[in-house]
């Protein structure tokens, strides 16, 4: 009788200790998982940034109340414009650059910008490999929207995988926030740039 009672007691102690250890480990892992994430790093505005398939270098940011780079503005709108030199680092022409920049702290009516080639105002052109072009990201805003004198733009990059899980082909996947770049924002007069 004592032998079975002792073994039952040992079983209960072992199971209880195992359960307590599992709960303790899960609690600690949950506590570490709940720590605040690190803020993305501040990227230099005067140097080229490798953002996955793109090498970008922000040039200037400004607010325009006139039509800029062929992007029409509705009455009561102004445009936040970010000009950047962009180089396609891939082996083929591409125009998947809409999410590379996003202004922080501004309520955008449409998060996707209109993008134009600065030299001839072509909208959303394909960029050819190794060829640097100046691009203008244009976000229409309400005319009374407040735009700070210094604005941070989030930079999104992607990771190159030599072989993806679905098709087994190489490509750029898993977009992530690389960091932020702070730019002074000029307020252009009504006549334009």
C-alpha atoms as a PDB file:
ATOM      1  CA  UNK A   1       0.000   0.000   0.000  1.00  0.00           C
ATOM      2  CA  UNK A   2       2.812   2.452   0.848  1.00  0.00           C
ATOM      3  CA  UNK A   3       4.642   1.537  -2.312  1.00  0.00           C
ATOM      4  CA  UNK A   4       1.721   2.549  -4.555  1.00  0.00           C
ATOM      5  CA  UNK A   5       0.985   5.670  -2.513  1.00  0.00           C
ATOM      6  CA  UNK A   6       4.646   6.698  -2.682  1.00  0.00           C
ATOM      7  CA  UNK A   7       4.810   6.177  -6.474  1.00  0.00           C
ATOM      8  CA  UNK A   8       1.554   8.123  -6.959  1.00  0.00           C
ATOM      9  CA  UNK A   9       2.959  10.940  -4.830  1.00  0.00           C
ATOM     10  CA  UNK A  10       6.214  10.969  -6.829  1.00  0.00           C
ATOM     11  CA  UNK A  11       4.222  11.001 -10.079  1.00  0.00           C
ATOM     12  CA  UNK A  12       2.164  13.964  -8.879  1.00  0.00           C
ATOM     13  CA  UNK A  13       5.274  15.852  -7.760  1.00  0.00           C
ATOM     14  CA  UNK A  14       7.083  15.166 -11.043  1.00  0.00           C
ATOM     15  CA  UNK A  15       4.069  16.178 -13.143  1.00  0.00           C
ATOM     16  CA  UNK A  16       3.518  19.270 -11.022  1.00  0.00           C
ATOM     17  CA  UNK A  17       7.166  20.309 -11.237  1.00  0.00           C
ATOM     18  CA  UNK A  18       7.134  19.760 -14.997  1.00  0.00           C
ATOM     19  CA  UNK A  19       3.990  21.839 -15.363  1.00  0.00           C
ATOM     20  CA  UNK A  20       5.405  24.629 -13.217  1.00  0.00           C
ATOM     21  CA  UNK A  21       8.655  24.603 -15.230  1.00  0.00           C
ATOM     22  CA  UNK A  22       6.714  24.748 -18.522  1.00  0.00           C
ATOM     23  CA  UNK A  23       4.575  27.642 -17.282  1.00  0.00           C
ATOM     24  CA  UNK A  24       7.656  29.463 -16.024  1.00  0.00           C
ATOM     25  CA  UNK A  25       9.478  29.098 -19.359  1.00  0.00           C
ATOM     26  CA  UNK A  26       6.368  30.138 -21.314  1.00  0.00           C
ATOM     27  CA  UNK A  27       5.916  33.145 -19.041  1.00  0.00           C
ATOM     28  CA  UNK A  28       9.518  34.241 -19.447  1.00  0.00           C
ATOM     29  CA  UNK A  29       9.374  33.837 -23.209  1.00  0.00           C
ATOM     30  CA  UNK A  30       6.147  35.806 -23.304  1.00  0.00           C
ATOM     31  CA  UNK A  31       7.667  38.521 -21.166  1.00  0.00           C
ATOM     32  CA  UNK A  32      10.659  38.825 -23.470  1.00  0.00           C
ATOM     33  CA  UNK A  33       8.371  38.822 -26.503  1.00  0.00           C
ATOM     34  CA  UNK A  34       6.394  41.705 -25.029  1.00  0.00           C
ATOM     35  CA  UNK A  35       9.409  44.000 -24.825  1.00  0.00           C
ATOM     36  CA  UNK A  36       9.085  47.038 -27.070  1.00  0.00           C
ATOM     37  CA  UNK A  37      10.662  46.654 -30.485  1.00  0.00           C
ATOM     38  CA  UNK A  38      13.681  48.776 -31.292  1.00  0.00           C
ATOM     39  CA  UNK A  39      12.979  51.842 -33.379  1.00  0.00           C
ATOM     40  CA  UNK A  40      14.231  51.598 -36.965  1.00  0.00           C
ATOM     41  CA  UNK A  41      17.615  53.269 -37.418  1.00  0.00           C
ATOM     42  CA  UNK A  42      18.007  56.794 -38.720  1.00  0.00           C
ATOM     43  CA  UNK A  43      19.472  56.611 -42.242  1.00  0.00           C
ATOM     44  CA  UNK A  44      21.674  59.358 -43.727  1.00  0.00           C
ATOM     45  CA  UNK A  45      19.908  61.693 -46.145  1.00  0.00           C
ATOM     46  CA  UNK A  46      23.128  62.583 -47.975  1.00  0.00           C
ATOM     47  CA  UNK A  47      24.263  59.050 -48.883  1.00  0.00           C
ATOM     48  CA  UNK A  48      22.960  56.218 -51.041  1.00  0.00           C
ATOM     49  CA  UNK A  49      20.833  53.637 -49.213  1.00  0.00           C
ATOM     50  CA  UNK A  50      20.641  50.008 -50.344  1.00  0.00           C
ATOM     51  CA  UNK A  51      16.946  49.162 -50.006  1.00  0.00           C
ATOM     52  CA  UNK A  52      16.826  45.662 -51.418  1.00  0.00           C
ATOM     53  CA  UNK A  53      16.314  45.831 -55.181  1.00  0.00           C
ATOM     54  CA  UNK A  54      16.781  49.620 -55.160  1.00  0.00           C
ATOM     55  CA  UNK A  55      19.652  51.921 -54.308  1.00  0.00           C
ATOM     56  CA  UNK A  56      18.071  55.213 -53.298  1.00  0.00           C
ATOM     57  CA  UNK A  57      19.382  58.615 -52.356  1.00  0.00           C
ATOM     58  CA  UNK A  58      16.841  61.226 -51.271  1.00  0.00           C
ATOM     59  CA  UNK A  59      17.573  64.607 -52.842  1.00  0.00           C
ATOM     60  CA  UNK A  60      14.931  67.045 -51.619  1.00  0.00           C
ATOM     61  CA  UNK A  61      11.402  67.276 -50.251  1.00  0.00           C
ATOM     62  CA  UNK A  62       8.930  70.096 -50.733  1.00  0.00           C
ATOM     63  CA  UNK A  63       5.273  71.059 -50.784  1.00  0.00           C
ATOM     64  CA  UNK A  64       3.809  72.346 -54.051  1.00  0.00           C
ATOM     65  CA  UNK A  65       0.418  73.941 -54.628  1.00  0.00           C
ATOM     66  CA  UNK A  66       0.751  73.766 -58.413  1.00  0.00           C
ATOM     67  CA  UNK A  67       0.720  70.805 -60.787  1.00  0.00           C
ATOM     68  CA  UNK A  68       4.056  69.046 -60.403  1.00  0.00           C
ATOM     69  CA  UNK A  69       5.634  66.485 -62.777  1.00  0.00           C
ATOM     70  CA  UNK A  70       2.370  66.055 -64.635  1.00  0.00           C
ATOM     71  CA  UNK A  71       0.475  64.946 -61.530  1.00  0.00           C
ATOM     72  CA  UNK A  72      -2.802  66.859 -61.546  1.00  0.00           C
ATOM     73  CA  UNK A  73      -4.059  68.250 -58.262  1.00  0.00           C
ATOM     74  CA  UNK A  74      -7.745  68.687 -57.531  1.00  0.00           C
ATOM     75  CA  UNK A  75      -8.984  72.061 -56.299  1.00  0.00           C
ATOM     76  CA  UNK A  76      -8.201  72.377 -52.610  1.00  0.00           C
ATOM     77  CA  UNK A  77      -5.163  70.093 -52.786  1.00  0.00           C
ATOM     78  CA  UNK A  78      -1.425  70.486 -52.490  1.00  0.00           C
ATOM     79  CA  UNK A  79       1.310  67.917 -53.050  1.00  0.00           C
ATOM     80  CA  UNK A  80       4.062  66.584 -50.844  1.00  0.00           C
ATOM     81  CA  UNK A  81       6.963  65.745 -53.169  1.00  0.00           C
ATOM     82  CA  UNK A  82      10.075  63.704 -52.425  1.00  0.00           C
ATOM     83  CA  UNK A  83      12.719  63.599 -55.137  1.00  0.00           C
ATOM     84  CA  UNK A  84      15.177  60.713 -54.962  1.00  0.00           C
ATOM     85  CA  UNK A  85      17.842  59.231 -57.201  1.00  0.00           C
ATOM     86  CA  UNK A  86      16.984  55.557 -57.711  1.00  0.00           C
ATOM     87  CA  UNK A  87      19.031  52.747 -59.223  1.00  0.00           C
ATOM     88  CA  UNK A  88      17.579  49.361 -60.110  1.00  0.00           C
ATOM     89  CA  UNK A  89      19.936  46.747 -58.613  1.00  0.00           C
ATOM     90  CA  UNK A  90      18.196  43.779 -60.259  1.00  0.00           C
ATOM     91  CA  UNK A  91      18.849  42.127 -63.613  1.00  0.00           C
ATOM     92  CA  UNK A  92      15.592  43.230 -65.271  1.00  0.00           C
ATOM     93  CA  UNK A  93      13.534  46.371 -65.727  1.00  0.00           C
ATOM     94  CA  UNK A  94      11.101  46.900 -62.881  1.00  0.00           C
ATOM     95  CA  UNK A  95       8.651  49.382 -61.399  1.00  0.00           C
ATOM     96  CA  UNK A  96       7.909  47.823 -58.005  1.00  0.00           C
ATOM     97  CA  UNK A  97       9.067  50.939 -56.145  1.00  0.00           C
ATOM     98  CA  UNK A  98       5.751  52.295 -54.828  1.00  0.00           C
ATOM     99  CA  UNK A  99       6.365  51.269 -51.213  1.00  0.00           C
ATOM    100  CA  UNK A 100      10.020  52.302 -50.916  1.00  0.00           C
ATOM    101  CA  UNK A 101       9.208  55.660 -49.261  1.00  0.00           C
ATOM    102  CA  UNK A 102       6.340  56.573 -46.944  1.00  0.00           C
ATOM    103  CA  UNK A 103       6.083  59.843 -45.001  1.00  0.00           C
ATOM    104  CA  UNK A 104       5.714  59.354 -41.247  1.00  0.00           C
ATOM    105  CA  UNK A 105       3.287  61.345 -39.142  1.00  0.00           C
ATOM    106  CA  UNK A 106       1.075  62.597 -41.967  1.00  0.00           C
ATOM    107  CA  UNK A 107      -2.455  61.374 -42.576  1.00  0.00           C
ATOM    108  CA  UNK A 108      -2.431  60.476 -46.278  1.00  0.00           C
ATOM    109  CA  UNK A 109      -5.684  60.196 -48.248  1.00  0.00           C
ATOM    110  CA  UNK A 110      -3.969  57.526 -50.376  1.00  0.00           C
ATOM    111  CA  UNK A 111      -0.845  55.799 -49.020  1.00  0.00           C
ATOM    112  CA  UNK A 112       0.423  54.988 -52.531  1.00  0.00           C
ATOM    113  CA  UNK A 113       2.067  57.964 -54.219  1.00  0.00           C
ATOM    114  CA  UNK A 114       2.043  58.993 -57.836  1.00  0.00           C
ATOM    115  CA  UNK A 115       5.603  58.511 -59.089  1.00  0.00           C
ATOM    116  CA  UNK A 116       7.086  60.391 -62.023  1.00  0.00           C
ATOM    117  CA  UNK A 117      10.400  60.413 -63.811  1.00  0.00           C
ATOM    118  CA  UNK A 118      11.875  63.859 -63.101  1.00  0.00           C
ATOM    119  CA  UNK A 119      13.498  64.374 -66.515  1.00  0.00           C
ATOM    120  CA  UNK A 120      10.315  64.054 -68.599  1.00  0.00           C
ATOM    121  CA  UNK A 121       7.390  63.593 -66.152  1.00  0.00           C
ATOM    122  CA  UNK A 122       6.629  60.044 -67.327  1.00  0.00           C
ATOM    123  CA  UNK A 123       4.369  58.457 -64.719  1.00  0.00           C
ATOM    124  CA  UNK A 124       5.438  55.104 -63.195  1.00  0.00           C
ATOM    125  CA  UNK A 125       8.167  54.176 -65.681  1.00  0.00           C
ATOM    126  CA  UNK A 126      10.113  50.942 -65.543  1.00  0.00           C
ATOM    127  CA  UNK A 127      13.629  51.525 -64.273  1.00  0.00           C
ATOM    128  CA  UNK A 128      16.341  49.681 -66.152  1.00  0.00           C
ATOM    129  CA  UNK A 129      19.132  47.755 -64.398  1.00  0.00           C
ATOM    130  CA  UNK A 130      22.094  49.830 -63.260  1.00  0.00           C
ATOM    131  CA  UNK A 131      20.648  53.085 -64.602  1.00  0.00           C
ATOM    132  CA  UNK A 132      20.176  55.866 -62.052  1.00  0.00           C
ATOM    133  CA  UNK A 133      17.113  58.062 -62.549  1.00  0.00           C
ATOM    134  CA  UNK A 134      15.697  60.919 -60.511  1.00  0.00           C
ATOM    135  CA  UNK A 135      12.181  59.994 -59.434  1.00  0.00           C
ATOM    136  CA  UNK A 136       9.532  62.196 -57.822  1.00  0.00           C
ATOM    137  CA  UNK A 137       7.194  60.639 -55.256  1.00  0.00           C
ATOM    138  CA  UNK A 138       4.053  62.805 -55.161  1.00  0.00           C
ATOM    139  CA  UNK A 139       1.427  62.467 -52.422  1.00  0.00           C
ATOM    140  CA  UNK A 140      -1.668  64.679 -52.873  1.00  0.00           C
ATOM    141  CA  UNK A 141      -2.794  66.260 -49.591  1.00  0.00           C
ATOM    142  CA  UNK A 142      -5.609  68.533 -48.510  1.00  0.00           C
ATOM    143  CA  UNK A 143      -4.539  72.160 -48.894  1.00  0.00           C
ATOM    144  CA  UNK A 144      -4.944  72.770 -45.165  1.00  0.00           C
ATOM    145  CA  UNK A 145      -2.964  69.640 -44.130  1.00  0.00           C
ATOM    146  CA  UNK A 146      -0.058  70.517 -41.862  1.00  0.00           C
ATOM    147  CA  UNK A 147       3.356  69.416 -43.118  1.00  0.00           C
ATOM    148  CA  UNK A 148       6.256  69.876 -40.684  1.00  0.00           C
ATOM    149  CA  UNK A 149       9.434  71.691 -41.705  1.00  0.00           C
ATOM    150  CA  UNK A 150      11.394  68.459 -41.113  1.00  0.00           C
ATOM    151  CA  UNK A 151       9.740  65.181 -42.047  1.00  0.00           C
ATOM    152  CA  UNK A 152      10.821  61.577 -41.636  1.00  0.00           C
ATOM    153  CA  UNK A 153      10.251  59.171 -44.497  1.00  0.00           C
ATOM    154  CA  UNK A 154      10.146  55.454 -43.787  1.00  0.00           C
ATOM    155  CA  UNK A 155      12.308  53.378 -46.140  1.00  0.00           C
ATOM    156  CA  UNK A 156      11.108  49.872 -47.007  1.00  0.00           C
ATOM    157  CA  UNK A 157      13.523  47.221 -48.270  1.00  0.00           C
ATOM    158  CA  UNK A 158      13.189  43.588 -49.325  1.00  0.00           C
ATOM    159  CA  UNK A 159      15.327  40.491 -48.810  1.00  0.00           C
ATOM    160  CA  UNK A 160      16.848  38.600 -51.745  1.00  0.00           C
ATOM    161  CA  UNK A 161      16.219  34.869 -51.727  1.00  0.00           C
ATOM    162  CA  UNK A 162      18.110  32.766 -54.268  1.00  0.00           C
ATOM    163  CA  UNK A 163      15.243  30.291 -54.123  1.00  0.00           C
ATOM    164  CA  UNK A 164      11.751  31.016 -52.849  1.00  0.00           C
ATOM    165  CA  UNK A 165       9.595  28.424 -51.121  1.00  0.00           C
ATOM    166  CA  UNK A 166       6.744  28.367 -53.635  1.00  0.00           C
ATOM    167  CA  UNK A 167       8.313  28.316 -57.097  1.00  0.00           C
ATOM    168  CA  UNK A 168      11.992  27.725 -56.359  1.00  0.00           C
ATOM    169  CA  UNK A 169      12.999  30.859 -58.258  1.00  0.00           C
ATOM    170  CA  UNK A 170      15.137  33.781 -57.101  1.00  0.00           C
ATOM    171  CA  UNK A 171      13.582  37.100 -56.165  1.00  0.00           C
ATOM    172  CA  UNK A 172      13.071  39.892 -53.650  1.00  0.00           C
ATOM    173  CA  UNK A 173      10.658  39.024 -50.848  1.00  0.00           C
ATOM    174  CA  UNK A 174       9.576  39.904 -47.300  1.00  0.00           C
ATOM    175  CA  UNK A 175       9.382  43.707 -47.266  1.00  0.00           C
ATOM    176  CA  UNK A 176      10.546  45.246 -44.003  1.00  0.00           C
ATOM    177  CA  UNK A 177      11.189  48.718 -42.649  1.00  0.00           C
ATOM    178  CA  UNK A 178      14.875  49.425 -43.141  1.00  0.00           C
ATOM    179  CA  UNK A 179      14.857  52.743 -41.297  1.00  0.00           C
ATOM    180  CA  UNK A 180      13.854  56.376 -41.595  1.00  0.00           C
ATOM    181  CA  UNK A 181      15.450  59.291 -43.350  1.00  0.00           C
ATOM    182  CA  UNK A 182      14.749  62.856 -42.155  1.00  0.00           C
ATOM    183  CA  UNK A 183      14.447  65.571 -44.787  1.00  0.00           C
ATOM    184  CA  UNK A 184      13.829  69.311 -44.557  1.00  0.00           C
ATOM    185  CA  UNK A 185      10.606  70.175 -46.381  1.00  0.00           C
ATOM    186  CA  UNK A 186      10.560  73.404 -48.394  1.00  0.00           C
ATOM    187  CA  UNK A 187       7.278  75.216 -49.006  1.00  0.00           C
ATOM    188  CA  UNK A 188       7.279  76.325 -52.641  1.00  0.00           C
ATOM    189  CA  UNK A 189       5.341  79.394 -53.749  1.00  0.00           C
ATOM    190  CA  UNK A 190       2.196  78.998 -55.864  1.00  0.00           C
ATOM    191  CA  UNK A 191       4.159  79.247 -59.138  1.00  0.00           C
ATOM    192  CA  UNK A 192       5.774  75.775 -58.644  1.00  0.00           C
ATOM    193  CA  UNK A 193       9.340  74.445 -58.554  1.00  0.00           C
END
